[in-house]
Each structure stands twice: as structure tokens, then as C-alpha cells.
Amino acid sequence: MTLAKNIRDRALFEGFNKVGIVGAESLDNEGRRLKEWLARGHHGEMSWMARDVHKRISPQEIFPQARSVVVVAINYFTPHQHQENPATGKVSRYAWGDDYHDVVKEKLLSLLSWIKGQEPSAEGKICVDIQPTMDKAWAVRAGLGWLGKHSNVITPEYGSWVFIGELFLNLDLDRDIEPMEDHCGTCTLCIDACPTAAITEPYVVDSTSVFPTQRSNCARLSYRLIFPGGCMAATSVRMFARGTGLRKRLLRRGLVHVKEMLMPICAKSLSSLRRLTLNVFAAAR
């Protein structure tokens, strides 16, 4: 067995549901699309997206010794449903449990430790959404799924209900994963389901339309907090959803809904909303 095959097997053993290995090459095409998206102002108040663009494009800016990238995904879907109650806020599934940054990082740390045991010269850099990397671009390159028209990765096994992480390594590894074909075709389920019409065109999301920072948006979003999620539900639940094997970490019933005075929350600025909405979206950037 090659080291690459052993790493894939070990990643699955660590609890990842999908894993792929690609070369640590510059994300030039993806970078051009990112720059265009930023130039159109679609990042809104997410100022961190406009910082360190060169690092998002070149993995060597993150980890100079990078030769290969191990890309992993964890399924976080649970079948529990939101209450249709305007007095109860809806929290998106990805925020129902422990901070996913911690969950994915712990497993990648364990994987890196195992790799170092197999290859003492190995060094690596772990990235889980907080670092300036294009997680979705790496997932697509590694063959974990394709980029949907809602701009999220769609996996054939789990839909878009996946957390993504990367392990940049100083090792040359076999790369036998090919990018997956785009299966969206003429489907527009996600575009039609978006409650704020934030998907302005296929594969383009205007984040300034996503967040419930005004009273009018609050009603249209059906009182959802921490991202609406309608587009993901449209593409993922109907076709791919499978329950996660990490339910103890990724589901706490108390986080499925928020019993707050919702209209005052919706009237707040995005920065204030970020401080209020539990854990994940409040992660430091």
C-alpha cells in the first residue's frame, strides 16, 4: 500500500466521511472568481474575505513546504426538524452542536500525528475555515463533490451537509482523485428556495442579502438565525441526507431553536447579531 492510500484509510478511521488528496497547486481559476465576487461587493460586512486573497490562492503562502493537500469532510446532518413557530428562532443545522472548527481540527490533529508516526519527516498545517483558504475549492479539486449553484459543495452521499477541512503536507503523495462532474444541470431548486433571493445567478451568492438584519428580512427568513439554509435543504434533504455518526458532538437539542425576542434581534446590525447567535458564526476571524 502507498502512504496516500494509508492516509485515506486512516482519515476514514478518524471519523471523516470523505477524503481526497490533491497537489498543493495554486488555485488560479478559483482565485479569479473570488476576486470578481469581492469586486462586486458580495462579501458585504465580511471584511475578512477581502484580506489575504493571495493566501487563499496559493497554499505555499499558508504553508511554504506544502506539496500535497489532504481534504476531508464530515457529515453533520441530523433528521430533527425546526418548529414552524414565529416565536421560536431557527438555528441552522451546522450550529446545533459543538463548534465544528474544534470537531474537525481535533480529528485532523490526530491524523497528522498518525502520519508523522508513519513518516518522521512529515510536517503539516491544519486549516478549518478560519484560516484564509478556499475550503470549497479544495473539496471540489479533491473530488469530494461538485460546486452547486448555491455555491456550496454537494457530495453525492451527503449533499451539502458537510464540514470541510484541509491538511497541507510537505510530502509528495499519490493523487488519483479526479474532480467530480457538475450534476446540477438545469436544476434551480436552491435558487428557488432561497428566502432572500441571495443567489443572484447560478454559483453566485450575494451575502448582503443573506443575513436577517432588518425586520422585513426576519419575516422572510421565517425567523432563522445563523444563515437561512433553505437552499441547502432544497438540494440536500430531498436527495442525499443521511444521519451523522457524530450525533453526540453535532447535535444538542437546546440549539435547534432559540427562544428569544426575535424582532429586536433581527433589528440589530450584523456585528451585533454575530455576538448573539450562539457559537459557530461568532468564531473569531
C-alpha atoms as a PDB file:
ATOM      1  CA  MET A   1       0.000   0.000   0.000  1.00  0.00           C
ATOM      2  CA  THR A   2       1.139   3.534  -0.714  1.00  0.00           C
ATOM      3  CA  LEU A   3       1.279   6.151   2.019  1.00  0.00           C
ATOM      4  CA  ALA A   4      -1.521   8.042   0.273  1.00  0.00           C
ATOM      5  CA  LYS A   5      -3.809   5.005   0.455  1.00  0.00           C
ATOM      6  CA  ASN A   6      -2.935   4.512   4.115  1.00  0.00           C
ATOM      7  CA  ILE A   7      -3.689   8.167   4.842  1.00  0.00           C
ATOM      8  CA  ARG A   8      -7.095   7.878   3.188  1.00  0.00           C
ATOM      9  CA  ASP A   9      -7.897   4.787   5.224  1.00  0.00           C
ATOM     10  CA  ARG A  10      -6.715   6.431   8.424  1.00  0.00           C
ATOM     11  CA  ALA A  11      -8.791   9.545   7.741  1.00  0.00           C
ATOM     12  CA  LEU A  12     -11.893   7.371   7.499  1.00  0.00           C
ATOM     13  CA  PHE A  13     -10.867   5.636  10.724  1.00  0.00           C
ATOM     14  CA  GLU A  14     -10.611   9.036  12.430  1.00  0.00           C
ATOM     15  CA  GLY A  15     -14.261   9.640  11.608  1.00  0.00           C
ATOM     16  CA  PHE A  16     -14.156  11.607   8.371  1.00  0.00           C
ATOM     17  CA  ASN A  17     -16.768  10.563   5.843  1.00  0.00           C
ATOM     18  CA  LYS A  18     -14.905  11.645   2.727  1.00  0.00           C
ATOM     19  CA  VAL A  19     -11.237  12.201   1.931  1.00  0.00           C
ATOM     20  CA  GLY A  20      -9.269  13.142  -1.166  1.00  0.00           C
ATOM     21  CA  ILE A  21      -5.653  14.058  -1.883  1.00  0.00           C
ATOM     22  CA  VAL A  22      -4.525  16.655  -4.419  1.00  0.00           C
ATOM     23  CA  GLY A  23      -1.375  18.550  -5.244  1.00  0.00           C
ATOM     24  CA  ALA A  24      -0.745  21.835  -3.420  1.00  0.00           C
ATOM     25  CA  GLU A  25      -1.102  23.864  -6.599  1.00  0.00           C
ATOM     26  CA  SER A  26      -2.215  27.441  -6.952  1.00  0.00           C
ATOM     27  CA  LEU A  27      -5.999  27.981  -7.146  1.00  0.00           C
ATOM     28  CA  ASP A  28      -5.712  30.388 -10.058  1.00  0.00           C
ATOM     29  CA  ASN A  29      -9.135  29.922 -11.667  1.00  0.00           C
ATOM     30  CA  GLU A  30     -10.909  29.876  -8.328  1.00  0.00           C
ATOM     31  CA  GLY A  31      -8.929  32.952  -7.304  1.00  0.00           C
ATOM     32  CA  ARG A  32     -10.128  34.899 -10.326  1.00  0.00           C
ATOM     33  CA  ARG A  33     -13.720  34.114  -9.448  1.00  0.00           C
ATOM     34  CA  LEU A  34     -13.110  35.140  -5.836  1.00  0.00           C
ATOM     35  CA  LYS A  35     -11.660  38.498  -6.912  1.00  0.00           C
ATOM     36  CA  GLU A  36     -14.646  39.140  -9.165  1.00  0.00           C
ATOM     37  CA  TRP A  37     -17.052  38.282  -6.314  1.00  0.00           C
ATOM     38  CA  LEU A  38     -15.224  40.667  -3.991  1.00  0.00           C
ATOM     39  CA  ALA A  39     -15.152  43.418  -6.625  1.00  0.00           C
ATOM     40  CA  ARG A  40     -18.941  43.186  -6.834  1.00  0.00           C
ATOM     41  CA  GLY A  41     -19.176  43.754  -3.085  1.00  0.00           C
ATOM     42  CA  HIS A  42     -20.929  40.452  -2.454  1.00  0.00           C
ATOM     43  CA  HIS A  43     -18.933  39.850   0.732  1.00  0.00           C
ATOM     44  CA  GLY A  44     -20.778  42.715   2.462  1.00  0.00           C
ATOM     45  CA  GLU A  45     -19.647  43.139   6.067  1.00  0.00           C
ATOM     46  CA  MET A  46     -17.462  40.021   5.929  1.00  0.00           C
ATOM     47  CA  SER A  47     -14.320  42.142   5.659  1.00  0.00           C
ATOM     48  CA  TRP A  48     -12.053  39.175   6.382  1.00  0.00           C
ATOM     49  CA  MET A  49     -12.927  37.753   2.956  1.00  0.00           C
ATOM     50  CA  ALA A  50     -11.091  40.640   1.289  1.00  0.00           C
ATOM     51  CA  ARG A  51      -7.960  40.155   3.405  1.00  0.00           C
ATOM     52  CA  ASP A  52      -5.060  37.947   2.344  1.00  0.00           C
ATOM     53  CA  VAL A  53      -6.568  36.995  -1.018  1.00  0.00           C
ATOM     54  CA  HIS A  54      -3.120  35.896  -2.199  1.00  0.00           C
ATOM     55  CA  LYS A  55      -3.004  33.390   0.676  1.00  0.00           C
ATOM     56  CA  ARG A  56      -6.356  31.948  -0.359  1.00  0.00           C
ATOM     57  CA  ILE A  57      -4.992  31.348  -3.843  1.00  0.00           C
ATOM     58  CA  SER A  58      -1.512  29.998  -3.075  1.00  0.00           C
ATOM     59  CA  PRO A  59      -1.190  27.219  -0.474  1.00  0.00           C
ATOM     60  CA  GLN A  60       2.516  27.985  -0.088  1.00  0.00           C
ATOM     61  CA  GLU A  61       1.520  31.334   1.416  1.00  0.00           C
ATOM     62  CA  ILE A  62      -0.154  29.345   4.199  1.00  0.00           C
ATOM     63  CA  PHE A  63       2.429  26.577   4.495  1.00  0.00           C
ATOM     64  CA  PRO A  64       5.634  27.172   2.468  1.00  0.00           C
ATOM     65  CA  GLN A  65       6.571  23.473   2.386  1.00  0.00           C
ATOM     66  CA  ALA A  66       3.169  22.391   1.035  1.00  0.00           C
ATOM     67  CA  ARG A  67       3.385  19.662  -1.602  1.00  0.00           C
ATOM     68  CA  SER A  68       0.079  17.847  -1.101  1.00  0.00           C
ATOM     69  CA  VAL A  69      -3.330  18.618   0.404  1.00  0.00           C
ATOM     70  CA  VAL A  70      -5.476  16.067   2.228  1.00  0.00           C
ATOM     71  CA  VAL A  71      -9.060  17.321   2.034  1.00  0.00           C
ATOM     72  CA  VAL A  72     -11.663  15.850   4.380  1.00  0.00           C
ATOM     73  CA  ALA A  73     -15.381  16.176   5.010  1.00  0.00           C
ATOM     74  CA  ILE A  74     -17.646  15.202   7.918  1.00  0.00           C
ATOM     75  CA  ASN A  75     -21.376  14.688   7.521  1.00  0.00           C
ATOM     76  CA  TYR A  76     -23.330  16.716  10.098  1.00  0.00           C
ATOM     77  CA  PHE A  77     -26.925  16.126   9.054  1.00  0.00           C
ATOM     78  CA  THR A  78     -29.448  15.151  11.725  1.00  0.00           C
ATOM     79  CA  PRO A  79     -33.118  14.487  10.899  1.00  0.00           C
ATOM     80  CA  HIS A  80     -34.604  16.778  13.558  1.00  0.00           C
ATOM     81  CA  GLN A  81     -36.893  19.442  12.160  1.00  0.00           C
ATOM     82  CA  HIS A  82     -37.436  23.086  13.011  1.00  0.00           C
ATOM     83  CA  GLN A  83     -40.663  24.157  14.647  1.00  0.00           C
ATOM     84  CA  GLU A  84     -42.922  26.291  12.498  1.00  0.00           C
ATOM     85  CA  ASN A  85     -43.367  28.805  15.281  1.00  0.00           C
ATOM     86  CA  PRO A  86     -42.715  32.521  14.699  1.00  0.00           C
ATOM     87  CA  ALA A  87     -41.920  32.921  18.410  1.00  0.00           C
ATOM     88  CA  THR A  88     -39.039  30.450  18.189  1.00  0.00           C
ATOM     89  CA  GLY A  89     -35.895  31.243  16.237  1.00  0.00           C
ATOM     90  CA  LYS A  90     -34.497  28.658  13.844  1.00  0.00           C
ATOM     91  CA  VAL A  91     -30.811  27.824  14.068  1.00  0.00           C
ATOM     92  CA  SER A  92     -29.137  26.217  11.063  1.00  0.00           C
ATOM     93  CA  ARG A  93     -28.063  22.615  11.453  1.00  0.00           C
ATOM     94  CA  TYR A  94     -24.363  23.317  11.343  1.00  0.00           C
ATOM     95  CA  ALA A  95     -24.656  25.220  14.643  1.00  0.00           C
ATOM     96  CA  TRP A  96     -26.659  22.590  16.534  1.00  0.00           C
ATOM     97  CA  GLY A  97     -23.645  21.039  18.260  1.00  0.00           C
ATOM     98  CA  ASP A  98     -20.052  21.654  19.218  1.00  0.00           C
ATOM     99  CA  ASP A  99     -18.119  24.249  17.249  1.00  0.00           C
ATOM    100  CA  TYR A 100     -17.269  22.451  14.014  1.00  0.00           C
ATOM    101  CA  HIS A 101     -13.861  24.132  13.915  1.00  0.00           C
ATOM    102  CA  ASP A 102     -12.953  22.189  17.064  1.00  0.00           C
ATOM    103  CA  VAL A 103     -14.501  18.908  15.894  1.00  0.00           C
ATOM    104  CA  VAL A 104     -12.682  18.873  12.551  1.00  0.00           C
ATOM    105  CA  LYS A 105      -9.409  20.234  13.973  1.00  0.00           C
ATOM    106  CA  GLU A 106      -9.225  17.525  16.645  1.00  0.00           C
ATOM    107  CA  LYS A 107      -9.558  14.809  14.037  1.00  0.00           C
ATOM    108  CA  LEU A 108      -7.022  16.430  11.699  1.00  0.00           C
ATOM    109  CA  LEU A 109      -4.549  16.762  14.571  1.00  0.00           C
ATOM    110  CA  SER A 110      -4.932  13.065  15.274  1.00  0.00           C
ATOM    111  CA  LEU A 111      -4.481  12.278  11.577  1.00  0.00           C
ATOM    112  CA  LEU A 112      -1.330  14.415  11.368  1.00  0.00           C
ATOM    113  CA  SER A 113       0.101  12.727  14.459  1.00  0.00           C
ATOM    114  CA  TRP A 114      -0.501   9.329  12.860  1.00  0.00           C
ATOM    115  CA  ILE A 115       1.142  10.447   9.596  1.00  0.00           C
ATOM    116  CA  LYS A 116       4.226  11.610  11.494  1.00  0.00           C
ATOM    117  CA  GLY A 117       4.405   8.160  13.063  1.00  0.00           C
ATOM    118  CA  GLN A 118       4.467   6.621   9.585  1.00  0.00           C
ATOM    119  CA  GLU A 119       6.776   9.206   8.040  1.00  0.00           C
ATOM    120  CA  PRO A 120       9.003  11.018  10.584  1.00  0.00           C
ATOM    121  CA  SER A 121       9.885  13.770   8.092  1.00  0.00           C
ATOM    122  CA  ALA A 122       6.249  14.766   7.727  1.00  0.00           C
ATOM    123  CA  GLU A 123       5.168  18.270   8.658  1.00  0.00           C
ATOM    124  CA  GLY A 124       1.755  19.764   8.141  1.00  0.00           C
ATOM    125  CA  LYS A 125      -0.606  22.691   8.517  1.00  0.00           C
ATOM    126  CA  ILE A 126      -4.235  22.216   9.534  1.00  0.00           C
ATOM    127  CA  CYS A 127      -6.928  24.521   8.166  1.00  0.00           C
ATOM    128  CA  VAL A 128     -10.585  24.532   9.199  1.00  0.00           C
ATOM    129  CA  ASP A 129     -12.419  27.532   7.764  1.00  0.00           C
ATOM    130  CA  ILE A 130     -10.754  30.135   9.992  1.00  0.00           C
ATOM    131  CA  GLN A 131      -7.509  30.277   8.012  1.00  0.00           C
ATOM    132  CA  PRO A 132      -7.507  32.149   4.671  1.00  0.00           C
ATOM    133  CA  THR A 133      -8.063  29.101   2.491  1.00  0.00           C
ATOM    134  CA  MET A 134     -10.762  28.301  -0.053  1.00  0.00           C
ATOM    135  CA  ASP A 135     -12.197  25.186   1.566  1.00  0.00           C
ATOM    136  CA  LYS A 136     -14.867  24.581  -1.043  1.00  0.00           C
ATOM    137  CA  ALA A 137     -12.393  24.948  -3.891  1.00  0.00           C
ATOM    138  CA  TRP A 138     -10.113  22.343  -2.336  1.00  0.00           C
ATOM    139  CA  ALA A 139     -13.033  19.987  -1.747  1.00  0.00           C
ATOM    140  CA  VAL A 140     -14.022  20.217  -5.412  1.00  0.00           C
ATOM    141  CA  ARG A 141     -10.451  19.710  -6.592  1.00  0.00           C
ATOM    142  CA  ALA A 142     -10.128  16.666  -4.340  1.00  0.00           C
ATOM    143  CA  GLY A 143     -13.222  15.077  -5.848  1.00  0.00           C
ATOM    144  CA  LEU A 144     -15.340  15.217  -2.679  1.00  0.00           C
ATOM    145  CA  GLY A 145     -18.220  16.759  -4.615  1.00  0.00           C
ATOM    146  CA  TRP A 146     -19.096  19.499  -7.067  1.00  0.00           C
ATOM    147  CA  LEU A 147     -19.927  23.147  -6.540  1.00  0.00           C
ATOM    148  CA  GLY A 148     -23.683  23.658  -6.534  1.00  0.00           C
ATOM    149  CA  LYS A 149     -25.500  26.708  -7.831  1.00  0.00           C
ATOM    150  CA  HIS A 150     -25.933  27.798  -4.198  1.00  0.00           C
ATOM    151  CA  SER A 151     -22.093  27.996  -4.056  1.00  0.00           C
ATOM    152  CA  ASN A 152     -21.827  25.115  -1.570  1.00  0.00           C
ATOM    153  CA  VAL A 153     -20.154  21.786  -2.238  1.00  0.00           C
ATOM    154  CA  ILE A 154     -22.627  18.996  -2.994  1.00  0.00           C
ATOM    155  CA  THR A 155     -21.464  15.464  -2.237  1.00  0.00           C
ATOM    156  CA  PRO A 156     -23.335  12.525  -3.802  1.00  0.00           C
ATOM    157  CA  GLU A 157     -23.550  10.787  -0.416  1.00  0.00           C
ATOM    158  CA  TYR A 158     -24.412  13.626   1.983  1.00  0.00           C
ATOM    159  CA  GLY A 159     -25.490  16.587  -0.076  1.00  0.00           C
ATOM    160  CA  SER A 160     -24.128  19.876   1.287  1.00  0.00           C
ATOM    161  CA  TRP A 161     -24.387  18.836   4.950  1.00  0.00           C
ATOM    162  CA  VAL A 162     -20.614  18.522   5.376  1.00  0.00           C
ATOM    163  CA  PHE A 163     -17.879  20.298   7.298  1.00  0.00           C
ATOM    164  CA  ILE A 164     -14.666  20.650   5.291  1.00  0.00           C
ATOM    165  CA  GLY A 165     -11.049  20.770   6.432  1.00  0.00           C
ATOM    166  CA  GLU A 166      -7.591  20.573   4.912  1.00  0.00           C
ATOM    167  CA  LEU A 167      -4.253  19.173   5.955  1.00  0.00           C
ATOM    168  CA  PHE A 168      -1.362  20.683   3.981  1.00  0.00           C
ATOM    169  CA  LEU A 169       1.629  18.333   3.960  1.00  0.00           C
ATOM    170  CA  ASN A 170       5.263  18.603   2.924  1.00  0.00           C
ATOM    171  CA  LEU A 171       5.010  15.153   1.322  1.00  0.00           C
ATOM    172  CA  ASP A 172       4.583  14.191  -2.335  1.00  0.00           C
ATOM    173  CA  LEU A 173       1.584  11.858  -2.281  1.00  0.00           C
ATOM    174  CA  ASP A 174      -0.196   9.892  -4.981  1.00  0.00           C
ATOM    175  CA  ARG A 175      -3.134  11.882  -6.363  1.00  0.00           C
ATOM    176  CA  ASP A 176      -5.597   9.614  -8.064  1.00  0.00           C
ATOM    177  CA  ILE A 177      -8.705  11.683  -7.389  1.00  0.00           C
ATOM    178  CA  GLU A 178     -10.360  13.477 -10.303  1.00  0.00           C
ATOM    179  CA  PRO A 179     -12.750  16.424  -9.894  1.00  0.00           C
ATOM    180  CA  MET A 180     -16.389  15.355  -9.900  1.00  0.00           C
ATOM    181  CA  GLU A 181     -18.700  16.272 -12.742  1.00  0.00           C
ATOM    182  CA  ASP A 182     -21.203  19.066 -12.060  1.00  0.00           C
ATOM    183  CA  HIS A 183     -24.569  17.299 -11.767  1.00  0.00           C
ATOM    184  CA  CYS A 184     -26.735  20.397 -11.276  1.00  0.00           C
ATOM    185  CA  GLY A 185     -27.770  20.580 -14.910  1.00  0.00           C
ATOM    186  CA  THR A 186     -30.886  22.713 -15.366  1.00  0.00           C
ATOM    187  CA  CYS A 187     -31.998  22.290 -11.731  1.00  0.00           C
ATOM    188  CA  THR A 188     -32.831  25.516  -9.879  1.00  0.00           C
ATOM    189  CA  LEU A 189     -34.178  24.107  -6.587  1.00  0.00           C
ATOM    190  CA  CYS A 190     -31.684  26.001  -4.455  1.00  0.00           C
ATOM    191  CA  ILE A 191     -32.226  29.290  -6.283  1.00  0.00           C
ATOM    192  CA  ASP A 192     -35.995  28.983  -5.994  1.00  0.00           C
ATOM    193  CA  ALA A 193     -35.788  28.053  -2.287  1.00  0.00           C
ATOM    194  CA  CYS A 194     -33.580  30.964  -1.196  1.00  0.00           C
ATOM    195  CA  PRO A 195     -35.825  33.093   1.069  1.00  0.00           C
ATOM    196  CA  THR A 196     -33.982  36.352   0.349  1.00  0.00           C
ATOM    197  CA  ALA A 197     -33.121  35.811  -3.349  1.00  0.00           C
ATOM    198  CA  ALA A 198     -29.446  35.976  -2.372  1.00  0.00           C
ATOM    199  CA  ILE A 199     -28.420  33.603  -5.187  1.00  0.00           C
ATOM    200  CA  THR A 200     -28.294  36.336  -7.802  1.00  0.00           C
ATOM    201  CA  GLU A 201     -27.220  33.942 -10.548  1.00  0.00           C
ATOM    202  CA  PRO A 202     -26.062  30.314 -10.631  1.00  0.00           C
ATOM    203  CA  TYR A 203     -22.971  29.861  -8.435  1.00  0.00           C
ATOM    204  CA  VAL A 204     -23.072  33.455  -7.145  1.00  0.00           C
ATOM    205  CA  VAL A 205     -24.371  34.365  -3.663  1.00  0.00           C
ATOM    206  CA  ASP A 206     -24.714  37.974  -2.525  1.00  0.00           C
ATOM    207  CA  SER A 207     -24.108  37.749   1.217  1.00  0.00           C
ATOM    208  CA  THR A 208     -25.572  41.208   1.781  1.00  0.00           C
ATOM    209  CA  SER A 209     -28.987  39.632   1.129  1.00  0.00           C
ATOM    210  CA  VAL A 210     -28.478  36.612   3.378  1.00  0.00           C
ATOM    211  CA  PHE A 211     -28.477  37.909   6.917  1.00  0.00           C
ATOM    212  CA  PRO A 212     -31.651  38.840   8.856  1.00  0.00           C
ATOM    213  CA  THR A 213     -30.579  42.321   9.891  1.00  0.00           C
ATOM    214  CA  GLN A 214     -33.857  44.056   9.107  1.00  0.00           C
ATOM    215  CA  ARG A 215     -37.418  43.427  10.266  1.00  0.00           C
ATOM    216  CA  SER A 216     -38.582  42.736   6.726  1.00  0.00           C
ATOM    217  CA  ASN A 217     -35.877  40.117   6.253  1.00  0.00           C
ATOM    218  CA  CYS A 218     -36.678  38.500   9.600  1.00  0.00           C
ATOM    219  CA  ALA A 219     -40.170  37.544   8.440  1.00  0.00           C
ATOM    220  CA  ARG A 220     -38.997  36.409   5.019  1.00  0.00           C
ATOM    221  CA  LEU A 221     -36.381  34.196   6.630  1.00  0.00           C
ATOM    222  CA  SER A 222     -39.072  32.505   8.748  1.00  0.00           C
ATOM    223  CA  TYR A 223     -37.132  33.637  11.827  1.00  0.00           C
ATOM    224  CA  ARG A 224     -33.966  31.744  11.045  1.00  0.00           C
ATOM    225  CA  LEU A 225     -30.770  32.689  12.843  1.00  0.00           C
ATOM    226  CA  ILE A 226     -27.202  31.905  11.684  1.00  0.00           C
ATOM    227  CA  PHE A 227     -27.781  31.546   7.948  1.00  0.00           C
ATOM    228  CA  PRO A 228     -31.121  30.713   6.348  1.00  0.00           C
ATOM    229  CA  GLY A 229     -30.248  27.262   4.960  1.00  0.00           C
ATOM    230  CA  GLY A 230     -33.253  26.938   2.634  1.00  0.00           C
ATOM    231  CA  CYS A 231     -31.064  26.435  -0.412  1.00  0.00           C
ATOM    232  CA  MET A 232     -29.166  23.601   1.254  1.00  0.00           C
ATOM    233  CA  ALA A 233     -32.352  21.928   2.407  1.00  0.00           C
ATOM    234  CA  ALA A 234     -33.737  22.064  -1.121  1.00  0.00           C
ATOM    235  CA  THR A 235     -30.742  20.270  -2.595  1.00  0.00           C
ATOM    236  CA  SER A 236     -29.636  18.054   0.285  1.00  0.00           C
ATOM    237  CA  VAL A 237     -32.613  16.700   2.229  1.00  0.00           C
ATOM    238  CA  ARG A 238     -34.602  15.561  -0.731  1.00  0.00           C
ATOM    239  CA  MET A 239     -31.828  13.655  -2.429  1.00  0.00           C
ATOM    240  CA  PHE A 240     -28.863  12.894  -0.196  1.00  0.00           C
ATOM    241  CA  ALA A 241     -29.483  13.337   3.534  1.00  0.00           C
ATOM    242  CA  ARG A 242     -28.058  10.690   5.866  1.00  0.00           C
ATOM    243  CA  GLY A 243     -27.792  10.996   9.607  1.00  0.00           C
ATOM    244  CA  THR A 244     -24.361  11.791  11.024  1.00  0.00           C
ATOM    245  CA  GLY A 245     -22.428   9.225  13.023  1.00  0.00           C
ATOM    246  CA  LEU A 246     -21.232  12.006  15.363  1.00  0.00           C
ATOM    247  CA  ARG A 247     -24.591  12.885  16.853  1.00  0.00           C
ATOM    248  CA  LYS A 248     -23.188  13.285  20.373  1.00  0.00           C
ATOM    249  CA  ARG A 249     -20.873  16.054  19.135  1.00  0.00           C
ATOM    250  CA  LEU A 250     -23.026  17.606  16.423  1.00  0.00           C
ATOM    251  CA  LEU A 251     -26.488  17.759  17.989  1.00  0.00           C
ATOM    252  CA  ARG A 252     -27.722  19.395  21.147  1.00  0.00           C
ATOM    253  CA  ARG A 253     -31.484  19.720  21.177  1.00  0.00           C
ATOM    254  CA  GLY A 254     -31.271  23.026  23.004  1.00  0.00           C
ATOM    255  CA  LEU A 255     -29.550  24.578  19.991  1.00  0.00           C
ATOM    256  CA  VAL A 256     -32.145  23.608  17.384  1.00  0.00           C
ATOM    257  CA  HIS A 257     -34.275  26.618  18.331  1.00  0.00           C
ATOM    258  CA  VAL A 258     -33.686  29.945  20.025  1.00  0.00           C
ATOM    259  CA  LYS A 259     -36.370  31.246  22.351  1.00  0.00           C
ATOM    260  CA  GLU A 260     -35.568  34.922  22.213  1.00  0.00           C
ATOM    261  CA  MET A 261     -37.372  38.128  21.462  1.00  0.00           C
ATOM    262  CA  LEU A 262     -36.754  37.725  17.768  1.00  0.00           C
ATOM    263  CA  MET A 263     -37.754  41.085  16.354  1.00  0.00           C
ATOM    264  CA  PRO A 264     -35.210  43.003  18.485  1.00  0.00           C
ATOM    265  CA  ILE A 265     -32.569  40.508  17.392  1.00  0.00           C
ATOM    266  CA  CYS A 266     -33.460  40.907  13.724  1.00  0.00           C
ATOM    267  CA  ALA A 267     -33.269  44.672  14.049  1.00  0.00           C
ATOM    268  CA  LYS A 268     -29.666  44.531  15.180  1.00  0.00           C
ATOM    269  CA  SER A 269     -26.634  45.072  12.988  1.00  0.00           C
ATOM    270  CA  LEU A 270     -24.757  42.084  11.606  1.00  0.00           C
ATOM    271  CA  SER A 271     -21.928  42.603  14.096  1.00  0.00           C
ATOM    272  CA  SER A 272     -24.397  42.598  16.994  1.00  0.00           C
ATOM    273  CA  LEU A 273     -26.195  39.577  15.589  1.00  0.00           C
ATOM    274  CA  ARG A 274     -22.905  37.716  15.338  1.00  0.00           C
ATOM    275  CA  ARG A 275     -22.292  38.194  19.050  1.00  0.00           C
ATOM    276  CA  LEU A 276     -25.764  36.932  19.915  1.00  0.00           C
ATOM    277  CA  THR A 277     -26.076  33.824  17.819  1.00  0.00           C
ATOM    278  CA  LEU A 278     -24.584  31.090  19.985  1.00  0.00           C
ATOM    279  CA  ASN A 279     -21.277  29.650  18.902  1.00  0.00           C
ATOM    280  CA  VAL A 280     -20.224  28.884  15.356  1.00  0.00           C
ATOM    281  CA  PHE A 281     -20.921  32.083  13.468  1.00  0.00           C
ATOM    282  CA  ALA A 282     -19.260  34.008  16.285  1.00  0.00           C
ATOM    283  CA  ALA A 283     -15.926  32.347  15.567  1.00  0.00           C
ATOM    284  CA  ALA A 284     -13.130  34.889  15.505  1.00  0.00           C
ATOM    285  CA  ARG A 285     -11.877  35.892  12.095  1.00  0.00           C
END
